Amino acid sequence: MRSKSGSPDIQGELGYLVGSLASAMRIGLDRELASFNVSSAQWAILEACHEGEASTLTSLSRVIPIDTASISRQVERLVRAGLVQRRRSTRDRRLVRLSLTVAGRRLVPELAERVQANNARFLAGIATDEQEAMLRTIRRMLENAQAEVYDGNS
């Protein structure tokens, strides 16, 4: 995209718009979850553990788009808050498994309601068929990203 002056309109570019939307949604979710003393990054960890998508730091780093060091810090905070527990594997002592505590399992459904409320605010005024088309497009773009960026295909 070009601005009226003919120079690139960075604020109209896809990457800028997607990044801005992701940032706004994250800020909104952080505000929504603040009363629970849980951040959006911590929510992602709790949700991944709750849904059985991940049970180690490595597996969390595969499903949550933040670096492993940040995930590790957030897990430590969740452990201190009594929402996540670590257990060393009996088969491989090097492996540490993560799981939700009873308090963590109880909290996830409440947090999920807040996440849905945050999403609804951003989707307000967008017809259901438009939302579905947008989600299909985003999923396709993520598939392209997986092939191009992460798998190294060109």
Protein backbone atom coordinates (compact mmCIF):
# COMPACT_ATOMS: atom_id res chain seq x y z
CA MET A 1 0.00 0.00 0.00
CA ARG A 2 1.10 3.51 -0.71
CA SER A 3 0.25 6.74 1.07
CA LYS A 4 -0.95 9.86 -0.75
CA SER A 5 2.67 10.98 -1.06
CA GLY A 6 3.60 7.76 -2.84
CA SER A 7 5.72 6.39 -0.01
CA PRO A 8 4.85 3.07 1.60
CA ASP A 9 1.91 3.29 4.03
CA ILE A 10 3.34 1.13 6.79
CA GLN A 11 0.23 1.50 8.95
CA GLY A 12 -1.87 0.06 6.14
CA GLU A 13 0.31 -3.02 5.65
CA LEU A 14 -0.96 -6.43 6.68
CA GLY A 15 1.85 -7.14 9.16
CA TYR A 16 1.36 -3.82 10.90
CA LEU A 17 -2.41 -4.30 11.10
CA VAL A 18 -2.19 -7.88 12.35
CA GLY A 19 0.46 -6.90 14.92
CA SER A 20 -1.62 -3.95 16.10
CA LEU A 21 -4.72 -6.12 16.44
CA ALA A 22 -2.81 -8.81 18.35
CA SER A 23 -1.37 -6.17 20.67
CA ALA A 24 -4.79 -4.59 21.30
CA MET A 25 -6.37 -7.98 21.97
CA ARG A 26 -3.56 -8.91 24.37
CA ILE A 27 -3.92 -5.59 26.25
CA GLY A 28 -7.68 -6.06 26.43
CA LEU A 29 -7.29 -9.60 27.72
CA ASP A 30 -4.69 -8.55 30.29
CA ARG A 31 -7.18 -5.99 31.60
CA GLU A 32 -9.97 -8.57 31.58
CA LEU A 33 -7.88 -11.07 33.57
CA ALA A 34 -6.24 -8.57 35.93
CA SER A 35 -8.74 -9.19 38.73
CA PHE A 36 -7.63 -12.85 38.72
CA ASN A 37 -3.92 -11.88 38.84
CA VAL A 38 -3.41 -13.79 35.59
CA SER A 39 -1.85 -12.39 32.41
CA SER A 40 -2.74 -13.29 28.84
CA ALA A 41 0.50 -15.31 28.59
CA GLN A 42 -0.38 -17.18 31.77
CA TRP A 43 -3.88 -17.82 30.43
CA ALA A 44 -2.36 -19.44 27.34
CA ILE A 45 -0.33 -21.77 29.57
CA LEU A 46 -3.28 -22.64 31.79
CA GLU A 47 -5.50 -23.28 28.78
CA ALA A 48 -2.89 -25.47 27.03
CA CYS A 49 -2.40 -27.54 30.18
CA HIS A 50 -6.15 -27.77 30.78
CA GLU A 51 -6.87 -28.95 27.25
CA GLY A 52 -4.02 -31.48 27.33
CA GLU A 53 -2.17 -29.73 24.49
CA ALA A 54 1.04 -29.46 26.48
CA SER A 55 2.57 -30.79 29.68
CA THR A 56 6.21 -29.68 29.44
CA LEU A 57 7.99 -26.40 28.76
CA THR A 58 9.04 -27.70 25.35
CA SER A 59 5.51 -28.70 24.37
CA LEU A 60 4.18 -25.35 25.62
CA SER A 61 6.68 -23.54 23.42
CA ARG A 62 5.28 -25.43 20.42
CA VAL A 63 1.70 -24.26 20.99
CA ILE A 64 2.18 -20.81 22.52
CA PRO A 65 3.81 -18.16 20.33
CA ILE A 66 6.21 -16.79 22.94
CA ASP A 67 9.80 -17.76 23.65
CA THR A 68 10.66 -20.61 26.01
CA ALA A 69 12.36 -18.31 28.54
CA SER A 70 9.18 -16.24 28.88
CA ILE A 71 7.07 -19.37 29.19
CA SER A 72 9.40 -20.63 31.91
CA ARG A 73 9.05 -17.37 33.87
CA GLN A 74 5.26 -17.45 33.52
CA VAL A 75 5.11 -21.08 34.63
CA GLU A 76 7.16 -20.18 37.70
CA ARG A 77 4.64 -17.46 38.56
CA LEU A 78 1.76 -19.90 38.09
CA VAL A 79 3.50 -22.43 40.35
CA ARG A 80 3.95 -19.75 43.05
CA ALA A 81 0.27 -18.81 42.66
CA GLY A 82 -0.72 -22.44 43.28
CA LEU A 83 -2.30 -22.91 39.84
CA VAL A 84 0.30 -25.19 38.24
CA GLN A 85 2.46 -27.94 39.67
CA ARG A 86 5.66 -29.53 38.43
CA ARG A 87 6.38 -33.24 38.70
CA ARG A 88 9.54 -34.98 37.65
CA SER A 89 8.91 -37.96 35.38
CA THR A 90 9.49 -41.34 37.00
CA ARG A 91 10.67 -42.74 33.63
CA ASP A 92 13.04 -39.90 32.71
CA ARG A 93 14.26 -37.83 35.67
CA ARG A 94 15.33 -35.03 33.28
CA LEU A 95 11.72 -34.50 32.20
CA VAL A 96 9.48 -32.25 34.28
CA ARG A 97 5.75 -32.52 33.66
CA LEU A 98 3.37 -29.65 34.29
CA SER A 99 -0.22 -30.00 35.37
CA LEU A 100 -2.93 -27.81 36.80
CA THR A 101 -3.64 -27.91 40.49
CA VAL A 102 -7.21 -28.21 41.71
CA ALA A 103 -7.28 -24.40 41.99
CA GLY A 104 -5.97 -24.11 38.42
CA ARG A 105 -8.62 -26.50 37.07
CA ARG A 106 -11.34 -24.54 38.85
CA LEU A 107 -10.09 -21.21 37.56
CA VAL A 108 -9.83 -22.08 33.85
CA PRO A 109 -13.59 -22.02 33.11
CA GLU A 110 -13.92 -18.59 34.76
CA LEU A 111 -10.99 -17.27 32.76
CA ALA A 112 -12.41 -18.80 29.57
CA GLU A 113 -15.56 -16.70 30.05
CA ARG A 114 -13.41 -13.56 30.27
CA VAL A 115 -11.47 -14.58 27.16
CA GLN A 116 -14.73 -15.04 25.26
CA ALA A 117 -15.95 -11.64 26.45
CA ASN A 118 -12.73 -10.03 25.23
CA ASN A 119 -13.04 -11.74 21.85
CA ALA A 120 -16.69 -10.66 21.57
CA ARG A 121 -15.71 -7.01 22.05
CA PHE A 122 -13.32 -7.23 19.12
CA LEU A 123 -15.84 -9.06 16.94
CA ALA A 124 -18.72 -6.69 17.69
CA GLY A 125 -20.53 -5.58 14.55
CA ILE A 126 -18.93 -8.25 12.36
CA ALA A 127 -21.44 -10.69 10.87
CA THR A 128 -21.04 -14.40 11.68
CA ASP A 129 -20.25 -15.30 8.06
CA GLU A 130 -17.57 -12.58 7.97
CA GLN A 131 -16.08 -13.91 11.21
CA GLU A 132 -15.99 -17.44 9.80
CA ALA A 133 -14.36 -16.23 6.56
CA MET A 134 -11.80 -14.23 8.54
CA LEU A 135 -10.94 -17.27 10.69
CA ARG A 136 -10.54 -19.46 7.59
CA THR A 137 -8.24 -16.86 6.07
CA ILE A 138 -6.15 -16.53 9.23
CA ARG A 139 -5.85 -20.31 9.53
CA ARG A 140 -4.71 -20.52 5.92
CA MET A 141 -2.16 -17.77 6.52
CA LEU A 142 -0.86 -19.66 9.56
CA GLU A 143 -0.56 -22.81 7.43
CA ASN A 144 1.43 -20.78 4.91
CA ALA A 145 3.60 -19.42 7.73
CA GLN A 146 4.23 -22.93 9.01
CA ALA A 147 5.34 -24.09 5.59
CA GLU A 148 7.35 -20.99 4.73
CA VAL A 149 8.83 -19.83 8.00
CA TYR A 150 8.97 -22.79 10.32
CA ASP A 151 9.40 -25.72 7.95
CA GLY A 152 11.77 -23.77 5.67
CA ASN A 153 9.89 -24.47 2.44
CA SER A 154 10.05 -21.88 -0.27
